[in-house]
Amino acid sequence: MLCGHLHRHIVRRLGGTLAMTAPSPAHQVTLDLDDAAASRFRMEPPAYLLHWWDPAQGLVTHAAAIGDHGPAWPFFDADGKLID
């Protein structure tokens, strides 16, 4: 089942399966687990969920932040040695 978003990425086991809400491509709801906390939002990085279906693995979901977060850095050098 897929549905709208909640401005915060949340995953919970529910009824023997996983329920998941999507983050927002705009602002996020403030993460405050106090029941008495006021409803507020924060300008955290925007994000989205990408769902990929693979017949061998089933549904795979990736949470991806939107924006320029710098270049991709290699794990290994030209000789195949791990870069620490």
C-alpha atoms as a PDB file:
ATOM      1  CA  MET A   1       0.000   0.000   0.000  1.00  0.00           C
ATOM      2  CA  LEU A   2       1.301   3.464  -0.855  1.00  0.00           C
ATOM      3  CA  CYS A   3      -0.143   6.719   0.417  1.00  0.00           C
ATOM      4  CA  GLY A   4       0.766  10.373   0.783  1.00  0.00           C
ATOM      5  CA  HIS A   5       3.526  11.869   2.874  1.00  0.00           C
ATOM      6  CA  LEU A   6       3.852  13.004   6.456  1.00  0.00           C
ATOM      7  CA  HIS A   7       6.823  15.394   6.161  1.00  0.00           C
ATOM      8  CA  ARG A   8       8.985  12.911   8.100  1.00  0.00           C
ATOM      9  CA  HIS A   9      10.346   9.488   7.147  1.00  0.00           C
ATOM     10  CA  ILE A  10       8.900   6.915   9.554  1.00  0.00           C
ATOM     11  CA  VAL A  11       9.008   3.103   9.367  1.00  0.00           C
ATOM     12  CA  ARG A  12       6.953   0.872  11.672  1.00  0.00           C
ATOM     13  CA  ARG A  13       5.959  -2.787  11.764  1.00  0.00           C
ATOM     14  CA  LEU A  14       2.172  -2.923  11.647  1.00  0.00           C
ATOM     15  CA  GLY A  15      -0.055  -5.964  11.292  1.00  0.00           C
ATOM     16  CA  GLY A  16       2.773  -8.267  10.195  1.00  0.00           C
ATOM     17  CA  THR A  17       4.113  -5.914   7.520  1.00  0.00           C
ATOM     18  CA  LEU A  18       5.936  -2.581   7.295  1.00  0.00           C
ATOM     19  CA  ALA A  19       4.185   0.765   7.191  1.00  0.00           C
ATOM     20  CA  MET A  20       6.250   3.673   5.918  1.00  0.00           C
ATOM     21  CA  THR A  21       5.694   7.402   5.484  1.00  0.00           C
ATOM     22  CA  ALA A  22       7.632   9.491   3.013  1.00  0.00           C
ATOM     23  CA  PRO A  23       9.777  12.476   3.891  1.00  0.00           C
ATOM     24  CA  SER A  24       8.907  15.773   2.277  1.00  0.00           C
ATOM     25  CA  PRO A  25      10.593  17.491  -0.668  1.00  0.00           C
ATOM     26  CA  ALA A  26       9.982  20.706   1.327  1.00  0.00           C
ATOM     27  CA  HIS A  27      10.190  21.030   5.145  1.00  0.00           C
ATOM     28  CA  GLN A  28      10.045  18.212   7.727  1.00  0.00           C
ATOM     29  CA  VAL A  29       7.878  17.918  10.828  1.00  0.00           C
ATOM     30  CA  THR A  30      10.036  18.436  13.925  1.00  0.00           C
ATOM     31  CA  LEU A  31      11.034  15.139  15.522  1.00  0.00           C
ATOM     32  CA  ASP A  32       9.838  15.518  19.113  1.00  0.00           C
ATOM     33  CA  LEU A  33       8.599  12.343  20.815  1.00  0.00           C
ATOM     34  CA  ASP A  34       7.016  14.212  23.735  1.00  0.00           C
ATOM     35  CA  ASP A  35       3.212  13.847  23.502  1.00  0.00           C
ATOM     36  CA  ALA A  36       2.828  17.401  24.840  1.00  0.00           C
ATOM     37  CA  ALA A  37       5.150  18.925  22.220  1.00  0.00           C
ATOM     38  CA  ALA A  38       3.767  21.639  19.969  1.00  0.00           C
ATOM     39  CA  SER A  39       3.424  20.886  16.254  1.00  0.00           C
ATOM     40  CA  ARG A  40       6.352  22.541  14.495  1.00  0.00           C
ATOM     41  CA  PHE A  41       8.383  22.160  11.323  1.00  0.00           C
ATOM     42  CA  ARG A  42      12.088  22.411  10.545  1.00  0.00           C
ATOM     43  CA  MET A  43      13.999  23.263   7.394  1.00  0.00           C
ATOM     44  CA  GLU A  44      15.782  19.885   7.368  1.00  0.00           C
ATOM     45  CA  PRO A  45      17.062  18.645   4.009  1.00  0.00           C
ATOM     46  CA  PRO A  46      14.261  17.765   1.587  1.00  0.00           C
ATOM     47  CA  ALA A  47      14.021  14.106   0.623  1.00  0.00           C
ATOM     48  CA  TYR A  48      11.931  11.505  -1.159  1.00  0.00           C
ATOM     49  CA  LEU A  49      11.464   7.736  -1.292  1.00  0.00           C
ATOM     50  CA  LEU A  50      12.417   5.771  -4.376  1.00  0.00           C
ATOM     51  CA  HIS A  51      10.691   2.377  -4.665  1.00  0.00           C
ATOM     52  CA  TRP A  52      12.403  -0.214  -6.870  1.00  0.00           C
ATOM     53  CA  TRP A  53      10.867  -3.563  -7.735  1.00  0.00           C
ATOM     54  CA  ASP A  54      13.246  -6.435  -8.419  1.00  0.00           C
ATOM     55  CA  PRO A  55      11.620  -9.826  -9.132  1.00  0.00           C
ATOM     56  CA  ALA A  56      14.444 -11.624  -7.290  1.00  0.00           C
ATOM     57  CA  GLN A  57      14.420  -9.374  -4.198  1.00  0.00           C
ATOM     58  CA  GLY A  58      10.937  -7.876  -4.115  1.00  0.00           C
ATOM     59  CA  LEU A  59      10.354  -4.244  -3.219  1.00  0.00           C
ATOM     60  CA  VAL A  60      13.392  -2.195  -2.184  1.00  0.00           C
ATOM     61  CA  THR A  61      12.893   1.363  -0.899  1.00  0.00           C
ATOM     62  CA  HIS A  62      15.610   4.009  -0.757  1.00  0.00           C
ATOM     63  CA  ALA A  63      15.350   7.306   1.157  1.00  0.00           C
ATOM     64  CA  ALA A  64      17.240   9.971  -0.781  1.00  0.00           C
ATOM     65  CA  ALA A  65      18.091  13.528   0.257  1.00  0.00           C
ATOM     66  CA  ILE A  66      17.554  16.223  -2.372  1.00  0.00           C
ATOM     67  CA  GLY A  67      20.357  18.682  -3.067  1.00  0.00           C
ATOM     68  CA  ASP A  68      24.041  18.943  -3.804  1.00  0.00           C
ATOM     69  CA  HIS A  69      25.943  17.079  -1.100  1.00  0.00           C
ATOM     70  CA  GLY A  70      29.336  17.201  -2.755  1.00  0.00           C
ATOM     71  CA  PRO A  71      31.107  14.723  -5.024  1.00  0.00           C
ATOM     72  CA  ALA A  72      30.995  10.952  -4.773  1.00  0.00           C
ATOM     73  CA  TRP A  73      34.223   9.673  -3.181  1.00  0.00           C
ATOM     74  CA  PRO A  74      35.732   6.270  -4.039  1.00  0.00           C
ATOM     75  CA  PHE A  75      36.195   3.577  -1.412  1.00  0.00           C
ATOM     76  CA  PHE A  76      39.246   2.158  -3.213  1.00  0.00           C
ATOM     77  CA  ASP A  77      42.322   3.709  -4.832  1.00  0.00           C
ATOM     78  CA  ALA A  78      43.588   2.894  -8.355  1.00  0.00           C
ATOM     79  CA  ASP A  79      45.373  -0.225  -7.023  1.00  0.00           C
ATOM     80  CA  GLY A  80      42.207  -1.566  -5.403  1.00  0.00           C
ATOM     81  CA  LYS A  81      43.351  -0.756  -1.867  1.00  0.00           C
ATOM     82  CA  LEU A  82      40.752   0.514   0.595  1.00  0.00           C
ATOM     83  CA  ILE A  83      41.049   4.235   1.249  1.00  0.00           C
ATOM     84  CA  ASP A  84      40.805   4.927   4.998  1.00  0.00           C
END
